[in-house]
C-alpha atoms as a PDB file:
ATOM      1  CA  MET A   1     -25.803  19.094   8.176  1.00  0.00           C
ATOM      2  CA  LYS A   2     -26.167  19.368   4.411  1.00  0.00           C
ATOM      3  CA  GLN A   3     -27.133  16.212   2.570  1.00  0.00           C
ATOM      4  CA  ILE A   4     -27.191  15.625  -1.200  1.00  0.00           C
ATOM      5  CA  ASN A   5     -28.356  12.005  -1.389  1.00  0.00           C
ATOM      6  CA  ASP A   6     -30.898  10.163   0.727  1.00  0.00           C
ATOM      7  CA  ASN A   7     -30.058   6.688  -0.575  1.00  0.00           C
ATOM      8  CA  LYS A   8     -28.704   4.970   2.551  1.00  0.00           C
ATOM      9  CA  ILE A   9     -28.676   1.307   1.440  1.00  0.00           C
ATOM     10  CA  SER A  10     -25.169   0.088   0.747  1.00  0.00           C
ATOM     11  CA  GLY A  11     -23.680  -3.077  -0.672  1.00  0.00           C
ATOM     12  CA  VAL A  12     -20.866  -4.153   1.620  1.00  0.00           C
ATOM     13  CA  ILE A  13     -18.382  -6.987   2.156  1.00  0.00           C
ATOM     14  CA  LYS A  14     -18.365  -8.342   5.717  1.00  0.00           C
ATOM     15  CA  ILE A  15     -16.294 -10.963   7.532  1.00  0.00           C
ATOM     16  CA  TYR A  16     -18.016 -13.112  10.193  1.00  0.00           C
ATOM     17  CA  SER A  17     -14.995 -15.307  10.897  1.00  0.00           C
ATOM     18  CA  GLN A  18     -11.377 -15.312   9.758  1.00  0.00           C
ATOM     19  CA  GLY A  19     -10.256 -17.773   7.117  1.00  0.00           C
ATOM     20  CA  GLY A  20      -9.922 -18.194   3.362  1.00  0.00           C
ATOM     21  CA  PRO A  21     -11.345 -15.872   0.700  1.00  0.00           C
ATOM     22  CA  GLU A  22     -14.722 -17.604   1.062  1.00  0.00           C
ATOM     23  CA  VAL A  23     -15.322 -15.785   4.384  1.00  0.00           C
ATOM     24  CA  LEU A  24     -15.857 -12.542   2.460  1.00  0.00           C
ATOM     25  CA  VAL A  25     -19.652 -12.126   2.414  1.00  0.00           C
ATOM     26  CA  TYR A  26     -21.490  -9.639   0.210  1.00  0.00           C
ATOM     27  CA  GLU A  27     -24.648  -8.204   1.762  1.00  0.00           C
ATOM     28  CA  GLU A  28     -26.652  -4.989   2.013  1.00  0.00           C
ATOM     29  CA  GLU A  29     -26.950  -2.755   5.039  1.00  0.00           C
ATOM     30  CA  PHE A  30     -28.455   0.571   6.071  1.00  0.00           C
ATOM     31  CA  VAL A  31     -25.979   3.397   6.593  1.00  0.00           C
ATOM     32  CA  GLY A  32     -27.027   6.017   9.145  1.00  0.00           C
ATOM     33  CA  ASP A  33     -26.253   9.723   9.432  1.00  0.00           C
ATOM     34  CA  PRO A  34     -22.718  10.820  10.320  1.00  0.00           C
ATOM     35  CA  ALA A  35     -21.847  11.662  13.905  1.00  0.00           C
ATOM     36  CA  ALA A  36     -20.227  14.974  14.760  1.00  0.00           C
ATOM     37  CA  ASN A  37     -16.752  13.828  13.668  1.00  0.00           C
ATOM     38  CA  GLN A  38     -17.813  11.656  10.716  1.00  0.00           C
ATOM     39  CA  ILE A  39     -18.733  12.020   7.078  1.00  0.00           C
ATOM     40  CA  LEU A  40     -20.983   9.917   4.826  1.00  0.00           C
ATOM     41  CA  LEU A  41     -19.013   8.890   1.765  1.00  0.00           C
ATOM     42  CA  LYS A  42     -20.319   7.557  -1.542  1.00  0.00           C
ATOM     43  CA  GLN A  43     -17.395   5.463  -2.695  1.00  0.00           C
ATOM     44  CA  GLU A  44     -16.331   5.406  -6.332  1.00  0.00           C
ATOM     45  CA  ALA A  45     -13.305   3.070  -6.197  1.00  0.00           C
ATOM     46  CA  ILE A  46     -11.857   0.811  -3.503  1.00  0.00           C
ATOM     47  CA  GLY A  47      -8.224  -0.199  -3.165  1.00  0.00           C
ATOM     48  CA  VAL A  48      -7.239  -3.834  -2.613  1.00  0.00           C
ATOM     49  CA  ASN A  49      -4.062  -4.325  -0.580  1.00  0.00           C
ATOM     50  CA  PHE A  50      -2.208  -7.413   0.605  1.00  0.00           C
ATOM     51  CA  VAL A  51      -2.836  -6.320   4.182  1.00  0.00           C
ATOM     52  CA  ASP A  52      -6.549  -6.930   3.502  1.00  0.00           C
ATOM     53  CA  THR A  53      -5.821 -10.643   3.167  1.00  0.00           C
ATOM     54  CA  MET A  54      -3.926 -10.606   6.465  1.00  0.00           C
ATOM     55  CA  PHE A  55      -6.875  -9.135   8.352  1.00  0.00           C
ATOM     56  CA  ARG A  56      -9.098 -11.710   6.658  1.00  0.00           C
ATOM     57  CA  ASN A  57      -6.969 -14.842   7.126  1.00  0.00           C
ATOM     58  CA  GLY A  58      -6.057 -14.407  10.794  1.00  0.00           C
ATOM     59  CA  THR A  59      -2.501 -13.085  10.501  1.00  0.00           C
ATOM     60  CA  PHE A  60      -3.873 -10.167  12.484  1.00  0.00           C
ATOM     61  CA  PRO A  61      -6.267 -11.743  15.017  1.00  0.00           C
ATOM     62  CA  ILE A  62      -9.737 -10.185  15.177  1.00  0.00           C
ATOM     63  CA  THR A  63     -12.117 -10.793  18.079  1.00  0.00           C
ATOM     64  CA  LYS A  64     -15.106  -8.611  17.169  1.00  0.00           C
ATOM     65  CA  PHE A  65     -17.384  -9.709  14.313  1.00  0.00           C
ATOM     66  CA  PRO A  66     -18.814  -8.934  11.867  1.00  0.00           C
ATOM     67  CA  MET A  67     -15.968  -6.827  10.547  1.00  0.00           C
ATOM     68  CA  GLY A  68     -15.935  -4.699   7.420  1.00  0.00           C
ATOM     69  CA  ALA A  69     -13.158  -5.637   4.994  1.00  0.00           C
ATOM     70  CA  GLY A  70     -10.656  -3.321   3.345  1.00  0.00           C
ATOM     71  CA  VAL A  71      -8.884  -0.127   4.369  1.00  0.00           C
ATOM     72  CA  GLU A  72      -8.643   2.188   1.328  1.00  0.00           C
ATOM     73  CA  ALA A  73     -11.032   3.967  -1.051  1.00  0.00           C
ATOM     74  CA  SER A  74     -11.960   7.211  -2.770  1.00  0.00           C
ATOM     75  CA  GLY A  75     -15.284   8.896  -3.362  1.00  0.00           C
ATOM     76  CA  ILE A  76     -17.579  11.895  -2.954  1.00  0.00           C
ATOM     77  CA  ILE A  77     -18.772  13.251   0.382  1.00  0.00           C
ATOM     78  CA  GLU A  78     -22.559  13.115   0.636  1.00  0.00           C
ATOM     79  CA  SER A  79     -22.965  14.667   4.070  1.00  0.00           C
ATOM     80  CA  VAL A  80     -20.866  15.815   7.008  1.00  0.00           C
ATOM     81  CA  GLY A  81     -21.374  15.773  10.759  1.00  0.00           C
ATOM     82  CA  LYS A  82     -21.768  19.016  12.646  1.00  0.00           C
ATOM     83  CA  ASP A  83     -18.674  21.039  13.513  1.00  0.00           C
ATOM     84  CA  ILE A  84     -16.682  19.649  10.561  1.00  0.00           C
ATOM     85  CA  THR A  85     -15.284  22.639   8.699  1.00  0.00           C
ATOM     86  CA  HIS A  86     -12.458  21.257   6.569  1.00  0.00           C
ATOM     87  CA  PHE A  87     -14.739  19.070   4.411  1.00  0.00           C
ATOM     88  CA  LYS A  88     -18.146  19.654   2.826  1.00  0.00           C
ATOM     89  CA  ALA A  89     -20.732  17.767   0.790  1.00  0.00           C
ATOM     90  CA  GLY A  90     -19.518  17.318  -2.771  1.00  0.00           C
ATOM     91  CA  ASP A  91     -15.792  17.188  -1.939  1.00  0.00           C
ATOM     92  CA  ARG A  92     -13.708  14.541  -3.690  1.00  0.00           C
ATOM     93  CA  VAL A  93     -11.654  12.644  -1.110  1.00  0.00           C
ATOM     94  CA  ALA A  94      -9.566   9.529  -0.492  1.00  0.00           C
ATOM     95  CA  TYR A  95      -8.298   7.617   2.533  1.00  0.00           C
ATOM     96  CA  HIS A  96      -5.659   4.977   3.146  1.00  0.00           C
ATOM     97  CA  HIS A  97      -6.432   3.279   6.452  1.00  0.00           C
ATOM     98  CA  ALA A  98      -9.989   2.975   7.749  1.00  0.00           C
ATOM     99  CA  MET A  99     -11.419  -0.529   8.162  1.00  0.00           C
ATOM    100  CA  GLY A 100     -14.641  -1.200   6.286  1.00  0.00           C
ATOM    101  CA  ALA A 101     -13.624   0.119   2.864  1.00  0.00           C
ATOM    102  CA  TYR A 102     -15.317  -2.648   0.836  1.00  0.00           C
ATOM    103  CA  ALA A 103     -18.638  -0.821   0.611  1.00  0.00           C
ATOM    104  CA  GLU A 104     -20.736   1.336  -1.707  1.00  0.00           C
ATOM    105  CA  ARG A 105     -21.385   3.881   1.040  1.00  0.00           C
ATOM    106  CA  ARG A 106     -19.920   4.195   4.485  1.00  0.00           C
ATOM    107  CA  LEU A 107     -19.331   6.418   7.482  1.00  0.00           C
ATOM    108  CA  VAL A 108     -15.711   7.381   8.027  1.00  0.00           C
ATOM    109  CA  TYR A 109     -13.975   9.707  10.461  1.00  0.00           C
ATOM    110  CA  ALA A 110     -13.049  13.002   8.837  1.00  0.00           C
ATOM    111  CA  ASP A 111      -9.422  12.912   9.996  1.00  0.00           C
ATOM    112  CA  ASN A 112      -8.842   9.817   7.854  1.00  0.00           C
ATOM    113  CA  LEU A 113      -9.639  11.729   4.670  1.00  0.00           C
ATOM    114  CA  VAL A 114      -7.520  13.799   2.311  1.00  0.00           C
ATOM    115  CA  HIS A 115      -8.685  16.129  -0.430  1.00  0.00           C
ATOM    116  CA  LEU A 116      -8.300  14.692  -3.910  1.00  0.00           C
ATOM    117  CA  PRO A 117      -6.867  16.925  -6.668  1.00  0.00           C
ATOM    118  CA  ASP A 118      -9.219  17.468  -9.603  1.00  0.00           C
ATOM    119  CA  GLU A 119      -6.623  15.966 -11.964  1.00  0.00           C
ATOM    120  CA  ILE A 120      -6.654  12.625 -10.122  1.00  0.00           C
ATOM    121  CA  SER A 121      -9.399  10.148 -10.958  1.00  0.00           C
ATOM    122  CA  PHE A 122     -11.094   8.123  -8.248  1.00  0.00           C
ATOM    123  CA  GLU A 123      -9.602   4.934  -9.684  1.00  0.00           C
ATOM    124  CA  ILE A 124      -6.064   6.288  -9.655  1.00  0.00           C
ATOM    125  CA  ALA A 125      -6.613   7.507  -6.086  1.00  0.00           C
ATOM    126  CA  ALA A 126      -7.747   4.051  -4.956  1.00  0.00           C
ATOM    127  CA  ALA A 127      -4.679   2.535  -6.594  1.00  0.00           C
ATOM    128  CA  LEU A 128      -2.254   5.138  -5.232  1.00  0.00           C
ATOM    129  CA  GLN A 129      -3.295   6.496  -1.846  1.00  0.00           C
ATOM    130  CA  ALA A 130      -2.163   3.702   0.500  1.00  0.00           C
ATOM    131  CA  LYS A 131       0.682   2.389  -1.634  1.00  0.00           C
ATOM    132  CA  GLY A 132       1.985   5.823  -2.589  1.00  0.00           C
ATOM    133  CA  LEU A 133       1.786   7.099   0.973  1.00  0.00           C
ATOM    134  CA  THR A 134       3.713   4.028   2.124  1.00  0.00           C
ATOM    135  CA  ALA A 135       6.365   4.583  -0.555  1.00  0.00           C
ATOM    136  CA  ASN A 136       6.688   8.240   0.450  1.00  0.00           C
ATOM    137  CA  VAL A 137       7.244   7.371   4.112  1.00  0.00           C
ATOM    138  CA  LEU A 138       9.720   4.603   3.236  1.00  0.00           C
ATOM    139  CA  LEU A 139      11.790   6.802   0.927  1.00  0.00           C
ATOM    140  CA  LYS A 140      11.847  10.043   2.865  1.00  0.00           C
ATOM    141  CA  ILE A 141      11.324   9.196   6.538  1.00  0.00           C
ATOM    142  CA  ALA A 142      12.034   5.543   7.427  1.00  0.00           C
ATOM    143  CA  TYR A 143      15.230   5.842   5.372  1.00  0.00           C
ATOM    144  CA  GLN A 144      16.116   9.037   3.548  1.00  0.00           C
ATOM    145  CA  VAL A 145      17.176   8.008   0.055  1.00  0.00           C
ATOM    146  CA  LYS A 146      20.042  10.069  -1.352  1.00  0.00           C
ATOM    147  CA  LYS A 147      21.433  10.486  -4.833  1.00  0.00           C
ATOM    148  CA  GLY A 148      23.917   7.695  -5.472  1.00  0.00           C
ATOM    149  CA  ASP A 149      22.450   5.259  -2.946  1.00  0.00           C
ATOM    150  CA  ILE A 150      22.339   1.615  -3.966  1.00  0.00           C
ATOM    151  CA  LEU A 151      18.990   0.053  -3.054  1.00  0.00           C
ATOM    152  CA  LEU A 152      17.663  -3.498  -3.206  1.00  0.00           C
ATOM    153  CA  VAL A 153      13.864  -3.663  -3.451  1.00  0.00           C
ATOM    154  CA  HIS A 154      12.098  -7.010  -3.098  1.00  0.00           C
ATOM    155  CA  ALA A 155       8.743  -7.559  -4.829  1.00  0.00           C
ATOM    156  CA  ALA A 156       9.605  -4.594  -7.042  1.00  0.00           C
ATOM    157  CA  ALA A 157       6.725  -5.344  -9.427  1.00  0.00           C
ATOM    158  CA  GLY A 158       4.154  -5.216  -6.637  1.00  0.00           C
ATOM    159  CA  GLY A 159       1.941  -2.331  -5.612  1.00  0.00           C
ATOM    160  CA  VAL A 160       4.281  -0.601  -3.146  1.00  0.00           C
ATOM    161  CA  GLY A 161       7.478  -2.003  -4.654  1.00  0.00           C
ATOM    162  CA  SER A 162       6.879  -0.594  -8.132  1.00  0.00           C
ATOM    163  CA  LEU A 163       6.111   2.916  -6.836  1.00  0.00           C
ATOM    164  CA  LEU A 164       9.019   2.786  -4.412  1.00  0.00           C
ATOM    165  CA  SER A 165      11.470   1.685  -7.105  1.00  0.00           C
ATOM    166  CA  LYS A 166      10.453   4.319  -9.653  1.00  0.00           C
ATOM    167  CA  TRP A 167      10.371   7.120  -7.095  1.00  0.00           C
ATOM    168  CA  ALA A 168      13.804   6.128  -5.778  1.00  0.00           C
ATOM    169  CA  LYS A 169      15.172   6.202  -9.342  1.00  0.00           C
ATOM    170  CA  SER A 170      13.851   9.736  -9.766  1.00  0.00           C
ATOM    171  CA  LEU A 171      15.760  10.713  -6.612  1.00  0.00           C
ATOM    172  CA  GLY A 172      19.017   9.535  -8.182  1.00  0.00           C
ATOM    173  CA  ALA A 173      19.401   6.153  -6.511  1.00  0.00           C
ATOM    174  CA  MET A 174      20.642   2.967  -8.157  1.00  0.00           C
ATOM    175  CA  VAL A 175      17.759   0.512  -7.813  1.00  0.00           C
ATOM    176  CA  ILE A 176      17.941  -3.260  -8.086  1.00  0.00           C
ATOM    177  CA  GLY A 177      14.560  -4.978  -8.033  1.00  0.00           C
ATOM    178  CA  THR A 178      13.584  -8.578  -7.464  1.00  0.00           C
ATOM    179  CA  VAL A 179      10.558 -10.563  -8.585  1.00  0.00           C
ATOM    180  CA  GLY A 180       9.450 -14.081  -7.793  1.00  0.00           C
ATOM    181  CA  SER A 181       9.708 -15.493 -11.306  1.00  0.00           C
ATOM    182  CA  GLU A 182      11.562 -15.012 -14.573  1.00  0.00           C
ATOM    183  CA  THR A 183       8.314 -14.144 -16.368  1.00  0.00           C
ATOM    184  CA  LYS A 184       7.896 -10.997 -14.233  1.00  0.00           C
ATOM    185  CA  LYS A 185      11.339  -9.522 -14.919  1.00  0.00           C
ATOM    186  CA  LYS A 186      10.075  -7.496 -17.855  1.00  0.00           C
ATOM    187  CA  GLN A 187       7.946  -5.509 -15.406  1.00  0.00           C
ATOM    188  CA  LEU A 188      11.140  -4.052 -13.926  1.00  0.00           C
ATOM    189  CA  ALA A 189      12.165  -2.242 -17.093  1.00  0.00           C
ATOM    190  CA  GLY A 190      13.864   1.025 -16.240  1.00  0.00           C
ATOM    191  CA  LEU A 191      15.583  -0.190 -13.087  1.00  0.00           C
ATOM    192  CA  ASP A 192      19.347  -0.663 -12.862  1.00  0.00           C
ATOM    193  CA  GLY A 193      19.005  -4.389 -12.328  1.00  0.00           C
ATOM    194  CA  ALA A 194      16.316  -7.069 -12.253  1.00  0.00           C
ATOM    195  CA  ILE A 195      16.615 -10.403 -10.473  1.00  0.00           C
ATOM    196  CA  ALA A 196      14.269 -13.402 -10.684  1.00  0.00           C
ATOM    197  CA  LEU A 197      14.497 -15.212  -7.366  1.00  0.00           C
ATOM    198  CA  ASP A 198      13.317 -18.546  -8.782  1.00  0.00           C
ATOM    199  CA  THR A 199      16.207 -18.850 -11.248  1.00  0.00           C
ATOM    200  CA  GLU A 200      19.023 -16.545 -10.093  1.00  0.00           C
ATOM    201  CA  ASN A 201      21.350 -16.384  -7.102  1.00  0.00           C
ATOM    202  CA  LEU A 202      20.509 -13.178  -5.241  1.00  0.00           C
ATOM    203  CA  ALA A 203      23.944 -12.395  -3.775  1.00  0.00           C
ATOM    204  CA  GLU A 204      25.840 -13.172  -6.977  1.00  0.00           C
ATOM    205  CA  ARG A 205      23.541 -11.055  -9.131  1.00  0.00           C
ATOM    206  CA  VAL A 206      23.481  -8.066  -6.770  1.00  0.00           C
ATOM    207  CA  LEU A 207      27.266  -7.907  -6.592  1.00  0.00           C
ATOM    208  CA  GLN A 208      27.495  -8.408 -10.345  1.00  0.00           C
ATOM    209  CA  ILE A 209      25.154  -5.489 -10.980  1.00  0.00           C
ATOM    210  CA  THR A 210      26.902  -3.187  -8.473  1.00  0.00           C
ATOM    211  CA  GLY A 211      30.422  -4.095  -9.500  1.00  0.00           C
ATOM    212  CA  GLY A 212      31.113  -5.707  -6.143  1.00  0.00           C
ATOM    213  CA  GLN A 213      29.641  -2.986  -3.948  1.00  0.00           C
ATOM    214  CA  LYS A 214      27.224  -3.755  -1.147  1.00  0.00           C
ATOM    215  CA  ILE A 215      23.902  -1.949  -0.894  1.00  0.00           C
ATOM    216  CA  ASP A 216      23.080   1.129   1.176  1.00  0.00           C
ATOM    217  CA  ALA A 217      19.548   0.033   1.992  1.00  0.00           C
ATOM    218  CA  LEU A 218      17.264  -2.969   1.695  1.00  0.00           C
ATOM    219  CA  TYR A 219      13.531  -2.527   1.187  1.00  0.00           C
ATOM    220  CA  ASP A 220      11.786  -5.819   1.895  1.00  0.00           C
ATOM    221  CA  GLY A 221       8.031  -6.303   1.710  1.00  0.00           C
ATOM    222  CA  VAL A 222       8.271 -10.106   1.413  1.00  0.00           C
ATOM    223  CA  GLY A 223       9.790 -11.095   4.761  1.00  0.00           C
ATOM    224  CA  ALA A 224      10.765 -14.633   5.715  1.00  0.00           C
ATOM    225  CA  ALA A 225      11.589 -15.823   2.195  1.00  0.00           C
ATOM    226  CA  THR A 226      13.996 -12.985   1.411  1.00  0.00           C
ATOM    227  CA  PHE A 227      15.166 -11.067   4.477  1.00  0.00           C
ATOM    228  CA  GLY A 228      17.771 -13.470   5.867  1.00  0.00           C
ATOM    229  CA  LYS A 229      19.641 -13.830   2.594  1.00  0.00           C
ATOM    230  CA  SER A 230      19.506 -10.079   1.958  1.00  0.00           C
ATOM    231  CA  ILE A 231      20.954  -8.496   5.106  1.00  0.00           C
ATOM    232  CA  GLU A 232      24.413  -9.899   4.329  1.00  0.00           C
ATOM    233  CA  LEU A 233      24.380  -7.714   1.206  1.00  0.00           C
ATOM    234  CA  ILE A 234      23.988  -4.498   3.212  1.00  0.00           C
ATOM    235  CA  LYS A 235      27.124  -2.421   3.687  1.00  0.00           C
ATOM    236  CA  HIS A 236      28.569  -1.521   7.097  1.00  0.00           C
ATOM    237  CA  GLY A 237      26.330   1.205   8.540  1.00  0.00           C
ATOM    238  CA  GLY A 238      23.537   0.552   6.043  1.00  0.00           C
ATOM    239  CA  THR A 239      19.821   0.162   6.646  1.00  0.00           C
ATOM    240  CA  ALA A 240      17.333  -2.713   6.450  1.00  0.00           C
ATOM    241  CA  VAL A 241      13.711  -1.626   6.019  1.00  0.00           C
ATOM    242  CA  LEU A 242      11.150  -4.394   6.534  1.00  0.00           C
ATOM    243  CA  PHE A 243       7.797  -2.937   5.474  1.00  0.00           C
ATOM    244  CA  GLY A 244       5.797  -6.103   4.898  1.00  0.00           C
ATOM    245  CA  TYR A 245       5.928  -9.844   5.367  1.00  0.00           C
ATOM    246  CA  ALA A 246       3.857 -11.534   2.699  1.00  0.00           C
ATOM    247  CA  SER A 247       5.810 -14.770   3.293  1.00  0.00           C
ATOM    248  CA  GLY A 248       5.750 -14.437   7.092  1.00  0.00           C
ATOM    249  CA  PHE A 249       7.745 -12.416   9.599  1.00  0.00           C
ATOM    250  CA  PRO A 250      11.436 -13.221   9.206  1.00  0.00           C
ATOM    251  CA  ASN A 251      13.887 -14.440  11.803  1.00  0.00           C
ATOM    252  CA  VAL A 252      15.916 -11.252  12.221  1.00  0.00           C
ATOM    253  CA  ASN A 253      19.607 -12.091  12.809  1.00  0.00           C
ATOM    254  CA  GLN A 254      20.492  -9.448  15.362  1.00  0.00           C
ATOM    255  CA  THR A 255      24.127 -10.571  15.458  1.00  0.00           C
ATOM    256  CA  ILE A 256      24.668  -9.693  11.793  1.00  0.00           C
ATOM    257  CA  LEU A 257      22.893  -6.370  12.270  1.00  0.00           C
ATOM    258  CA  ASP A 258      25.003  -5.495  15.324  1.00  0.00           C
ATOM    259  CA  GLN A 259      28.331  -6.613  13.855  1.00  0.00           C
ATOM    260  CA  ASN A 260      27.786  -4.464  10.764  1.00  0.00           C
ATOM    261  CA  HIS A 261      26.054  -1.546  12.517  1.00  0.00           C
ATOM    262  CA  ILE A 262      23.024  -2.006  10.291  1.00  0.00           C
ATOM    263  CA  SER A 263      19.945  -0.032  11.258  1.00  0.00           C
ATOM    264  CA  PHE A 264      16.793  -2.165  11.283  1.00  0.00           C
ATOM    265  CA  VAL A 265      13.485  -0.392  10.645  1.00  0.00           C
ATOM    266  CA  SER A 266      10.066  -2.044  10.520  1.00  0.00           C
ATOM    267  CA  PRO A 267       7.864   0.997  10.022  1.00  0.00           C
ATOM    268  CA  ASP A 268       4.217   1.461  10.836  1.00  0.00           C
ATOM    269  CA  VAL A 269       3.281   4.175   8.346  1.00  0.00           C
ATOM    270  CA  GLY A 270       0.739   5.665  10.725  1.00  0.00           C
ATOM    271  CA  ARG A 271       3.392   6.358  13.363  1.00  0.00           C
ATOM    272  CA  TYR A 272       5.230   8.674  10.985  1.00  0.00           C
ATOM    273  CA  ILE A 273       2.183  10.821  10.221  1.00  0.00           C
ATOM    274  CA  GLN A 274       2.257  13.651  12.742  1.00  0.00           C
ATOM    275  CA  SER A 275      -1.105  15.311  12.087  1.00  0.00           C
ATOM    276  CA  HIS A 276      -3.957  15.574   9.612  1.00  0.00           C
ATOM    277  CA  GLN A 277      -2.125  18.437   7.927  1.00  0.00           C
ATOM    278  CA  HIS A 278       0.965  16.230   7.597  1.00  0.00           C
ATOM    279  CA  LEU A 279      -1.199  13.497   6.049  1.00  0.00           C
ATOM    280  CA  GLU A 280      -2.509  15.986   3.480  1.00  0.00           C
ATOM    281  CA  ILE A 281       1.044  17.105   2.646  1.00  0.00           C
ATOM    282  CA  LEU A 282       2.409  13.575   2.241  1.00  0.00           C
ATOM    283  CA  SER A 283      -0.572  12.607   0.084  1.00  0.00           C
ATOM    284  CA  SER A 284      -0.258  15.673  -2.128  1.00  0.00           C
ATOM    285  CA  GLU A 285       3.407  14.782  -2.727  1.00  0.00           C
ATOM    286  CA  VAL A 286       2.328  11.369  -4.012  1.00  0.00           C
ATOM    287  CA  TYR A 287      -0.161  12.859  -6.463  1.00  0.00           C
ATOM    288  CA  LYS A 288       2.362  15.446  -7.660  1.00  0.00           C
ATOM    289  CA  GLU A 289       4.822  12.665  -8.462  1.00  0.00           C
ATOM    290  CA  TYR A 290       2.133  10.796 -10.373  1.00  0.00           C
ATOM    291  CA  LEU A 291       1.240  13.896 -12.400  1.00  0.00           C
ATOM    292  CA  LYS A 292       4.957  14.455 -13.134  1.00  0.00           C
ATOM    293  CA  GLY A 293       5.074  10.967 -14.642  1.00  0.00           C
ATOM    294  CA  THR A 294       7.400   9.493 -12.017  1.00  0.00           C
ATOM    295  CA  PHE A 295       5.306   6.325 -11.693  1.00  0.00           C
ATOM    296  CA  GLY A 296       4.602   5.931 -15.384  1.00  0.00           C
ATOM    297  CA  GLU A 297       1.209   4.761 -16.554  1.00  0.00           C
ATOM    298  CA  ILE A 298      -1.016   3.228 -13.876  1.00  0.00           C
ATOM    299  CA  ASN A 299      -3.865   1.040 -15.085  1.00  0.00           C
ATOM    300  CA  PRO A 300      -5.436  -0.710 -12.093  1.00  0.00           C
ATOM    301  CA  THR A 301      -7.250  -3.974 -12.724  1.00  0.00           C
ATOM    302  CA  ARG A 302     -10.958  -3.443 -12.014  1.00  0.00           C
ATOM    303  CA  PHE A 303     -13.356  -5.901 -10.368  1.00  0.00           C
ATOM    304  CA  PRO A 304     -16.953  -5.494  -9.170  1.00  0.00           C
ATOM    305  CA  LEU A 305     -17.287  -5.118  -5.397  1.00  0.00           C
ATOM    306  CA  ALA A 306     -19.229  -8.394  -5.165  1.00  0.00           C
ATOM    307  CA  GLU A 307     -16.173 -10.252  -6.576  1.00  0.00           C
ATOM    308  CA  ALA A 308     -13.907  -9.429  -3.651  1.00  0.00           C
ATOM    309  CA  GLU A 309     -13.471 -13.139  -2.892  1.00  0.00           C
ATOM    310  CA  GLU A 310     -12.045 -13.766  -6.360  1.00  0.00           C
ATOM    311  CA  VAL A 311      -9.690 -10.798  -6.085  1.00  0.00           C
ATOM    312  CA  HIS A 312      -8.296 -12.122  -2.797  1.00  0.00           C
ATOM    313  CA  ARG A 313      -7.684 -15.524  -4.389  1.00  0.00           C
ATOM    314  CA  LYS A 314      -5.766 -13.928  -7.254  1.00  0.00           C
ATOM    315  CA  LEU A 315      -3.781 -11.702  -4.904  1.00  0.00           C
ATOM    316  CA  GLU A 316      -2.700 -14.549  -2.625  1.00  0.00           C
ATOM    317  CA  ASN A 317      -1.778 -16.749  -5.587  1.00  0.00           C
ATOM    318  CA  ARG A 318       0.380 -13.968  -7.080  1.00  0.00           C
ATOM    319  CA  LYS A 319      -1.908 -13.772 -10.104  1.00  0.00           C
ATOM    320  CA  THR A 320      -2.141  -9.975 -10.036  1.00  0.00           C
ATOM    321  CA  THR A 321       0.310  -7.312 -11.195  1.00  0.00           C
ATOM    322  CA  GLY A 322       0.252  -3.714 -10.108  1.00  0.00           C
ATOM    323  CA  ALA A 323      -2.871  -2.433  -8.389  1.00  0.00           C
ATOM    324  CA  SER A 324      -6.299  -4.065  -8.165  1.00  0.00           C
ATOM    325  CA  ILE A 325      -9.407  -2.076  -7.296  1.00  0.00           C
ATOM    326  CA  LEU A 326     -13.052  -2.843  -6.588  1.00  0.00           C
ATOM    327  CA  ILE A 327     -15.795  -0.803  -8.230  1.00  0.00           C
ATOM    328  CA  PRO A 328     -19.017  -0.431  -6.148  1.00  0.00           C
END
C-alpha cells in the first residue's frame, strides 16, 4: 500500500441524534488505514444536497449513532487498500453516494468512486456529481426524453432541476419550469416557460405556454405541494417522474394514473446503475455536457466545513440557489 500523507486527523461533522440543523456536530477524529477494498481520500470539496437534511431530520430514520453526515465529495486519493488496481495514490476522484462525506479525510469503498477529468475542478465535481448523475438517469433511463417532448419540471432553479431543465433543452425538448416565488423566475431564463407557483395558476399557465397541449412528462422533485395538481396536466400515455419530495411524499391518485395510462416512476438512482463501469460512463457523460456548456456557468456557493449547520438552515429555508458546497 503506497501512502503519500501520514496526517490522519480529520475534521468531521457527526450526528448523534436526528433533529434540526443544531444536531450537526463538528469534531476531530483519527482516520485509520484503508481495508482491502477501501481508499483513504483527502477531500477538497463536499457537496450539500437536500437529501442530507432528510437523513439529519428523521425523514429517513437512523438507528445507529454517531453517523457521518453527507453523501457526496471530491478529492485526491492518499492511499489504497491492497488488491485495488483501478485507483492509485494521487488520483483525482469524486463520489455521489457514500455516507460520511462531511469530512476533511475519510475512508470510502473504491466502487463508490469515479475518476475525475483533469478539466473538472474539485468544486465543480462536488456541485455536479450527485445532481448531474441524477439528471442523467432521469432524462435517459427513468424516462427517455425525445426531441419535441413537452416537459414540466418543478423546482427548476434547484440543483437537480436546473441541470435537468438545461440538459432536456439541449435534447430538443420543450421545457416549462416552476419556482416557488416570482423573484426566482429570472433564474429560468432560457426555458420555454417559467411559472411562479406563489402567484400563478399552474394549469392555466402550462396550457397557455403549450397552446393547449398537455405535457409528455412531469419531473417533480417537490412532492406533496405540487404532484397532485400536476398529474392532470399529463397527456394520455404520458409519464410522471417523482424524484424527490422536499414538501413530503404526495398522495398519488392511482385512479387518474390508471384512467389516463400514465406511467408513474419514483426512481432510486442507484438501482439504475448496473456496475462500476456503468457508473463511470454515466458520470463521464455529465462532465462532457458541462464542458460543452450545456449547463452554463456553475458557481457553487462555498462554506467552511465547520459551518454545515448554517448551510442546512439556508437550504431548508429556501435561501440557497444552485449548488452549495463545503470546503474542508
